Amino acid sequence: MPPLSYIAVSGGQMRDQTVHFFDLARWLSGLDPVEVFAMGSALAEPGIAEYDDVDTSAVTLRLPGGALVQIDS
């Protein structure tokens, strides 16, 4: 977990970490998602919520044809 001083100026978990898994899913499948569902919570470090960020998240991407990609961060 990065220090809260970094969280205050970062792009957030989705931009700093999870976005790389979006890229990986697109590279592996060769497809762009047609639907995205994401949820997150501040569980490991409750203070992170003060910065409108999360430390635990789950994202589901639906690909054309219905295949699902699950990303946990």
PDB file of N, CA and C in Angstrom:
ATOM      1  N   MET A   1       0.842  -1.164   0.000  1.00  0.00           N
ATOM      2  CA  MET A   1       0.000   0.000   0.000  1.00  0.00           C
ATOM      3  C   MET A   1       0.898   1.241   0.000  1.00  0.00           C
ATOM      4  N   PRO A   2       0.695   2.140  -0.954  1.00  0.00           N
ATOM      5  CA  PRO A   2       1.495   3.367  -0.954  1.00  0.00           C
ATOM      6  C   PRO A   2       1.081   4.267   0.211  1.00  0.00           C
ATOM      7  N   PRO A   3       1.942   5.185   0.615  1.00  0.00           N
ATOM      8  CA  PRO A   3       1.581   6.098   1.702  1.00  0.00           C
ATOM      9  C   PRO A   3       0.455   7.044   1.268  1.00  0.00           C
ATOM     10  N   LEU A   4      -0.309   7.532   2.239  1.00  0.00           N
ATOM     11  CA  LEU A   4      -1.413   8.443   1.926  1.00  0.00           C
ATOM     12  C   LEU A   4      -0.927   9.716   1.246  1.00  0.00           C
ATOM     13  N   SER A   5       0.306  10.122   1.514  1.00  0.00           N
ATOM     14  CA  SER A   5       0.846  11.322   0.853  1.00  0.00           C
ATOM     15  C   SER A   5       0.920  11.113  -0.660  1.00  0.00           C
ATOM     16  N   TYR A   6       1.182   9.883  -1.102  1.00  0.00           N
ATOM     17  CA  TYR A   6       1.182   9.574  -2.536  1.00  0.00           C
ATOM     18  C   TYR A   6      -0.249   9.501  -3.068  1.00  0.00           C
ATOM     19  N   ILE A   7      -1.129   8.884  -2.314  1.00  0.00           N
ATOM     20  CA  ILE A   7      -2.528   8.760  -2.725  1.00  0.00           C
ATOM     21  C   ILE A   7      -3.129  10.140  -2.994  1.00  0.00           C
ATOM     22  N   ALA A   8      -2.730  11.123  -2.195  1.00  0.00           N
ATOM     23  CA  ALA A   8      -3.271  12.480  -2.327  1.00  0.00           C
ATOM     24  C   ALA A   8      -2.983  13.099  -3.690  1.00  0.00           C
ATOM     25  N   VAL A   9      -1.907  12.679  -4.348  1.00  0.00           N
ATOM     26  CA  VAL A   9      -1.524  13.290  -5.625  1.00  0.00           C
ATOM     27  C   VAL A   9      -1.564  12.300  -6.796  1.00  0.00           C
ATOM     28  N   SER A  10      -1.949  11.065  -6.518  1.00  0.00           N
ATOM     29  CA  SER A  10      -1.962  10.059  -7.583  1.00  0.00           C
ATOM     30  C   SER A  10      -3.241  10.147  -8.409  1.00  0.00           C
ATOM     31  N   GLY A  11      -3.309   9.334  -9.407  1.00  0.00           N
ATOM     32  CA  GLY A  11      -4.510   9.275 -10.239  1.00  0.00           C
ATOM     33  C   GLY A  11      -5.560   8.328  -9.695  1.00  0.00           C
ATOM     34  N   GLY A  12      -5.249   7.631  -8.615  1.00  0.00           N
ATOM     35  CA  GLY A  12      -6.182   6.675  -8.037  1.00  0.00           C
ATOM     36  C   GLY A  12      -5.876   5.267  -8.511  1.00  0.00           C
ATOM     37  N   GLN A  13      -6.447   4.293  -7.823  1.00  0.00           N
ATOM     38  CA  GLN A  13      -6.153   2.897  -8.127  1.00  0.00           C
ATOM     39  C   GLN A  13      -6.496   2.534  -9.567  1.00  0.00           C
ATOM     40  N   MET A  14      -7.621   2.994 -10.060  1.00  0.00           N
ATOM     41  CA  MET A  14      -8.017   2.632 -11.432  1.00  0.00           C
ATOM     42  C   MET A  14      -7.042   3.186 -12.464  1.00  0.00           C
ATOM     43  N   ARG A  15      -6.612   4.416 -12.305  1.00  0.00           N
ATOM     44  CA  ARG A  15      -5.692   5.026 -13.283  1.00  0.00           C
ATOM     45  C   ARG A  15      -4.257   4.573 -13.109  1.00  0.00           C
ATOM     46  N   ASP A  16      -3.841   4.353 -11.872  1.00  0.00           N
ATOM     47  CA  ASP A  16      -2.441   4.024 -11.612  1.00  0.00           C
ATOM     48  C   ASP A  16      -2.142   2.539 -11.749  1.00  0.00           C
ATOM     49  N   GLN A  17      -3.112   1.689 -11.477  1.00  0.00           N
ATOM     50  CA  GLN A  17      -2.847   0.250 -11.416  1.00  0.00           C
ATOM     51  C   GLN A  17      -3.734  -0.536 -12.375  1.00  0.00           C
ATOM     52  N   THR A  18      -5.025  -0.419 -12.210  1.00  0.00           N
ATOM     53  CA  THR A  18      -5.954  -1.290 -12.928  1.00  0.00           C
ATOM     54  C   THR A  18      -5.953  -1.035 -14.431  1.00  0.00           C
ATOM     55  N   VAL A  19      -5.665   0.174 -14.858  1.00  0.00           N
ATOM     56  CA  VAL A  19      -5.655   0.485 -16.284  1.00  0.00           C
ATOM     57  C   VAL A  19      -4.710  -0.438 -17.056  1.00  0.00           C
ATOM     58  N   HIS A  20      -3.651  -0.890 -16.423  1.00  0.00           N
ATOM     59  CA  HIS A  20      -2.706  -1.787 -17.104  1.00  0.00           C
ATOM     60  C   HIS A  20      -3.339  -3.156 -17.376  1.00  0.00           C
ATOM     61  N   PHE A  21      -4.232  -3.568 -16.500  1.00  0.00           N
ATOM     62  CA  PHE A  21      -4.940  -4.834 -16.715  1.00  0.00           C
ATOM     63  C   PHE A  21      -5.989  -4.700 -17.815  1.00  0.00           C
ATOM     64  N   PHE A  22      -6.568  -3.493 -17.969  1.00  0.00           N
ATOM     65  CA  PHE A  22      -7.467  -3.250 -19.110  1.00  0.00           C
ATOM     66  C   PHE A  22      -6.678  -3.437 -20.408  1.00  0.00           C
ATOM     67  N   ASP A  23      -5.492  -2.831 -20.449  1.00  0.00           N
ATOM     68  CA  ASP A  23      -4.635  -2.965 -21.638  1.00  0.00           C
ATOM     69  C   ASP A  23      -4.281  -4.429 -21.891  1.00  0.00           C
ATOM     70  N   LEU A  24      -3.939  -5.164 -20.840  1.00  0.00           N
ATOM     71  CA  LEU A  24      -3.578  -6.570 -20.979  1.00  0.00           C
ATOM     72  C   LEU A  24      -4.746  -7.399 -21.499  1.00  0.00           C
ATOM     73  N   ALA A  25      -5.947  -7.146 -20.977  1.00  0.00           N
ATOM     74  CA  ALA A  25      -7.129  -7.886 -21.440  1.00  0.00           C
ATOM     75  C   ALA A  25      -7.377  -7.635 -22.930  1.00  0.00           C
ATOM     76  N   ARG A  26      -7.220  -6.395 -23.361  1.00  0.00           N
ATOM     77  CA  ARG A  26      -7.406  -6.071 -24.783  1.00  0.00           C
ATOM     78  C   ARG A  26      -6.325  -6.730 -25.632  1.00  0.00           C
ATOM     79  N   TRP A  27      -5.089  -6.746 -25.136  1.00  0.00           N
ATOM     80  CA  TRP A  27      -3.989  -7.344 -25.887  1.00  0.00           C
ATOM     81  C   TRP A  27      -4.172  -8.855 -25.994  1.00  0.00           C
ATOM     82  N   LEU A  28      -4.546  -9.510 -24.896  1.00  0.00           N
ATOM     83  CA  LEU A  28      -4.726 -10.959 -24.913  1.00  0.00           C
ATOM     84  C   LEU A  28      -5.902 -11.398 -25.777  1.00  0.00           C
ATOM     85  N   SER A  29      -7.005 -10.658 -25.702  1.00  0.00           N
ATOM     86  CA  SER A  29      -8.208 -11.053 -26.436  1.00  0.00           C
ATOM     87  C   SER A  29      -8.263 -10.486 -27.849  1.00  0.00           C
ATOM     88  N   GLY A  30      -7.573  -9.375 -28.073  1.00  0.00           N
ATOM     89  CA  GLY A  30      -7.665  -8.694 -29.367  1.00  0.00           C
ATOM     90  C   GLY A  30      -9.005  -8.005 -29.562  1.00  0.00           C
ATOM     91  N   LEU A  31      -9.738  -7.811 -28.458  1.00  0.00           N
ATOM     92  CA  LEU A  31     -11.089  -7.240 -28.531  1.00  0.00           C
ATOM     93  C   LEU A  31     -11.236  -6.058 -27.584  1.00  0.00           C
ATOM     94  N   ASP A  32     -12.112  -5.134 -27.954  1.00  0.00           N
ATOM     95  CA  ASP A  32     -12.477  -4.036 -27.073  1.00  0.00           C
ATOM     96  C   ASP A  32     -13.730  -4.411 -26.301  1.00  0.00           C
ATOM     97  N   PRO A  33     -13.775  -4.118 -24.998  1.00  0.00           N
ATOM     98  CA  PRO A  33     -14.977  -4.415 -24.232  1.00  0.00           C
ATOM     99  C   PRO A  33     -16.173  -3.626 -24.748  1.00  0.00           C
ATOM    100  N   VAL A  34     -17.352  -4.218 -24.605  1.00  0.00           N
ATOM    101  CA  VAL A  34     -18.577  -3.524 -24.989  1.00  0.00           C
ATOM    102  C   VAL A  34     -19.350  -3.066 -23.752  1.00  0.00           C
ATOM    103  N   GLU A  35     -18.933  -3.550 -22.575  1.00  0.00           N
ATOM    104  CA  GLU A  35     -19.586  -3.158 -21.335  1.00  0.00           C
ATOM    105  C   GLU A  35     -18.580  -3.285 -20.191  1.00  0.00           C
ATOM    106  N   VAL A  36     -18.658  -2.359 -19.227  1.00  0.00           N
ATOM    107  CA  VAL A  36     -17.749  -2.350 -18.079  1.00  0.00           C
ATOM    108  C   VAL A  36     -18.565  -2.141 -16.812  1.00  0.00           C
ATOM    109  N   PHE A  37     -18.269  -2.930 -15.771  1.00  0.00           N
ATOM    110  CA  PHE A  37     -18.890  -2.764 -14.462  1.00  0.00           C
ATOM    111  C   PHE A  37     -17.767  -2.764 -13.438  1.00  0.00           C
ATOM    112  N   ALA A  38     -17.707  -1.731 -12.586  1.00  0.00           N
ATOM    113  CA  ALA A  38     -16.628  -1.619 -11.604  1.00  0.00           C
ATOM    114  C   ALA A  38     -17.169  -1.194 -10.248  1.00  0.00           C
ATOM    115  N   MET A  39     -16.586  -1.774  -9.216  1.00  0.00           N
ATOM    116  CA  MET A  39     -16.906  -1.404  -7.835  1.00  0.00           C
ATOM    117  C   MET A  39     -15.609  -1.389  -7.045  1.00  0.00           C
ATOM    118  N   GLY A  40     -15.552  -0.529  -6.029  1.00  0.00           N
ATOM    119  CA  GLY A  40     -14.376  -0.485  -5.177  1.00  0.00           C
ATOM    120  C   GLY A  40     -14.717  -0.055  -3.774  1.00  0.00           C
ATOM    121  N   SER A  41     -13.824  -0.381  -2.844  1.00  0.00           N
ATOM    122  CA  SER A  41     -13.986  -0.022  -1.438  1.00  0.00           C
ATOM    123  C   SER A  41     -12.627   0.305  -0.838  1.00  0.00           C
ATOM    124  N   ALA A  42     -12.662   1.056   0.238  1.00  0.00           N
ATOM    125  CA  ALA A  42     -11.456   1.329   1.027  1.00  0.00           C
ATOM    126  C   ALA A  42     -11.498   0.399   2.230  1.00  0.00           C
ATOM    127  N   LEU A  43     -10.815  -0.736   2.137  1.00  0.00           N
ATOM    128  CA  LEU A  43     -10.856  -1.757   3.183  1.00  0.00           C
ATOM    129  C   LEU A  43      -9.531  -1.894   3.930  1.00  0.00           C
ATOM    130  N   ALA A  44      -8.425  -1.985   3.220  1.00  0.00           N
ATOM    131  CA  ALA A  44      -7.123  -2.172   3.853  1.00  0.00           C
ATOM    132  C   ALA A  44      -6.661  -0.900   4.548  1.00  0.00           C
ATOM    133  N   GLU A  45      -6.976   0.254   3.965  1.00  0.00           N
ATOM    134  CA  GLU A  45      -6.587   1.555   4.527  1.00  0.00           C
ATOM    135  C   GLU A  45      -7.795   2.486   4.438  1.00  0.00           C
ATOM    136  N   PRO A  46      -8.641   2.519   5.471  1.00  0.00           N
ATOM    137  CA  PRO A  46      -9.854   3.345   5.420  1.00  0.00           C
ATOM    138  C   PRO A  46      -9.585   4.819   5.124  1.00  0.00           C
ATOM    139  N   GLY A  47      -8.415   5.327   5.484  1.00  0.00           N
ATOM    140  CA  GLY A  47      -8.075   6.732   5.228  1.00  0.00           C
ATOM    141  C   GLY A  47      -8.023   7.077   3.752  1.00  0.00           C
ATOM    142  N   ILE A  48      -7.888   6.083   2.916  1.00  0.00           N
ATOM    143  CA  ILE A  48      -7.821   6.322   1.469  1.00  0.00           C
ATOM    144  C   ILE A  48      -9.132   6.894   0.936  1.00  0.00           C
ATOM    145  N   ALA A  49     -10.230   6.608   1.609  1.00  0.00           N
ATOM    146  CA  ALA A  49     -11.547   7.120   1.189  1.00  0.00           C
ATOM    147  C   ALA A  49     -11.604   8.643   1.264  1.00  0.00           C
ATOM    148  N   GLU A  50     -10.786   9.245   2.123  1.00  0.00           N
ATOM    149  CA  GLU A  50     -10.745  10.708   2.227  1.00  0.00           C
ATOM    150  C   GLU A  50     -10.272  11.344   0.921  1.00  0.00           C
ATOM    151  N   TYR A  51      -9.608  10.571   0.090  1.00  0.00           N
ATOM    152  CA  TYR A  51      -9.097  11.055  -1.195  1.00  0.00           C
ATOM    153  C   TYR A  51      -9.942  10.545  -2.364  1.00  0.00           C
ATOM    154  N   ASP A  52     -11.147  10.088  -2.052  1.00  0.00           N
ATOM    155  CA  ASP A  52     -12.049   9.537  -3.074  1.00  0.00           C
ATOM    156  C   ASP A  52     -11.386   8.430  -3.877  1.00  0.00           C
ATOM    157  N   ASP A  53     -10.641   7.583  -3.181  1.00  0.00           N
ATOM    158  CA  ASP A  53      -9.960   6.472  -3.832  1.00  0.00           C
ATOM    159  C   ASP A  53     -10.342   5.175  -3.123  1.00  0.00           C
ATOM    160  N   VAL A  54      -9.921   4.071  -3.685  1.00  0.00           N
ATOM    161  CA  VAL A  54     -10.186   2.747  -3.127  1.00  0.00           C
ATOM    162  C   VAL A  54      -8.876   1.966  -3.071  1.00  0.00           C
ATOM    163  N   ASP A  55      -8.856   0.928  -2.251  1.00  0.00           N
ATOM    164  CA  ASP A  55      -7.684   0.054  -2.217  1.00  0.00           C
ATOM    165  C   ASP A  55      -8.034  -1.368  -2.635  1.00  0.00           C
ATOM    166  N   THR A  56      -9.300  -1.622  -2.847  1.00  0.00           N
ATOM    167  CA  THR A  56      -9.783  -2.936  -3.267  1.00  0.00           C
ATOM    168  C   THR A  56     -10.848  -2.725  -4.325  1.00  0.00           C
ATOM    169  N   SER A  57     -10.697  -3.359  -5.481  1.00  0.00           N
ATOM    170  CA  SER A  57     -11.708  -3.167  -6.525  1.00  0.00           C
ATOM    171  C   SER A  57     -11.878  -4.428  -7.361  1.00  0.00           C
ATOM    172  N   ALA A  58     -13.036  -4.517  -7.974  1.00  0.00           N
ATOM    173  CA  ALA A  58     -13.349  -5.604  -8.906  1.00  0.00           C
ATOM    174  C   ALA A  58     -13.997  -4.993 -10.134  1.00  0.00           C
ATOM    175  N   VAL A  59     -13.525  -5.397 -11.291  1.00  0.00           N
ATOM    176  CA  VAL A  59     -14.032  -4.885 -12.558  1.00  0.00           C
ATOM    177  C   VAL A  59     -14.390  -6.075 -13.441  1.00  0.00           C
ATOM    178  N   THR A  60     -15.544  -6.010 -14.080  1.00  0.00           N
ATOM    179  CA  THR A  60     -15.937  -7.020 -15.050  1.00  0.00           C
ATOM    180  C   THR A  60     -16.093  -6.345 -16.405  1.00  0.00           C
ATOM    181  N   LEU A  61     -15.410  -6.894 -17.390  1.00  0.00           N
ATOM    182  CA  LEU A  61     -15.526  -6.419 -18.765  1.00  0.00           C
ATOM    183  C   LEU A  61     -16.303  -7.465 -19.555  1.00  0.00           C
ATOM    184  N   ARG A  62     -17.281  -7.031 -20.342  1.00  0.00           N
ATOM    185  CA  ARG A  62     -17.973  -7.942 -21.251  1.00  0.00           C
ATOM    186  C   ARG A  62     -17.409  -7.687 -22.648  1.00  0.00           C
ATOM    187  N   LEU A  63     -16.943  -8.751 -23.273  1.00  0.00           N
ATOM    188  CA  LEU A  63     -16.384  -8.653 -24.619  1.00  0.00           C
ATOM    189  C   LEU A  63     -17.464  -8.973 -25.648  1.00  0.00           C
ATOM    190  N   PRO A  64     -17.239  -8.579 -26.900  1.00  0.00           N
ATOM    191  CA  PRO A  64     -18.195  -8.966 -27.936  1.00  0.00           C
ATOM    192  C   PRO A  64     -18.355 -10.492 -27.927  1.00  0.00           C
ATOM    193  N   GLY A  65     -19.548 -10.956 -28.069  1.00  0.00           N
ATOM    194  CA  GLY A  65     -19.812 -12.392 -28.020  1.00  0.00           C
ATOM    195  C   GLY A  65     -20.158 -12.871 -26.636  1.00  0.00           C
ATOM    196  N   GLY A  66     -19.992 -12.009 -25.606  1.00  0.00           N
ATOM    197  CA  GLY A  66     -20.435 -12.338 -24.266  1.00  0.00           C
ATOM    198  C   GLY A  66     -19.371 -12.802 -23.292  1.00  0.00           C
ATOM    199  N   ALA A  67     -18.150 -13.048 -23.731  1.00  0.00           N
ATOM    200  CA  ALA A  67     -17.094 -13.483 -22.804  1.00  0.00           C
ATOM    201  C   ALA A  67     -16.869 -12.415 -21.746  1.00  0.00           C
ATOM    202  N   LEU A  68     -16.556 -12.868 -20.514  1.00  0.00           N
ATOM    203  CA  LEU A  68     -16.318 -11.954 -19.405  1.00  0.00           C
ATOM    204  C   LEU A  68     -14.857 -11.983 -18.994  1.00  0.00           C
ATOM    205  N   VAL A  69     -14.344 -10.816 -18.613  1.00  0.00           N
ATOM    206  CA  VAL A  69     -13.000 -10.667 -18.070  1.00  0.00           C
ATOM    207  C   VAL A  69     -13.160 -10.083 -16.671  1.00  0.00           C
ATOM    208  N   GLN A  70     -12.575 -10.738 -15.666  1.00  0.00           N
ATOM    209  CA  GLN A  70     -12.651 -10.261 -14.285  1.00  0.00           C
ATOM    210  C   GLN A  70     -11.283  -9.734 -13.873  1.00  0.00           C
ATOM    211  N   ILE A  71     -11.243  -8.499 -13.382  1.00  0.00           N
ATOM    212  CA  ILE A  71      -9.999  -7.884 -12.918  1.00  0.00           C
ATOM    213  C   ILE A  71     -10.180  -7.527 -11.451  1.00  0.00           C
ATOM    214  N   ASP A  72      -9.332  -8.075 -10.593  1.00  0.00           N
ATOM    215  CA  ASP A  72      -9.342  -7.755  -9.167  1.00  0.00           C
ATOM    216  C   ASP A  72      -8.072  -7.006  -8.834  1.00  0.00           C
ATOM    217  N   SER A  73      -8.230  -5.857  -8.200  1.00  0.00           N
ATOM    218  CA  SER A  73      -7.064  -5.040  -7.818  1.00  0.00           C
ATOM    219  C   SER A  73      -7.116  -4.769  -6.333  1.00  0.00           C
TER     220      SER A  73
END
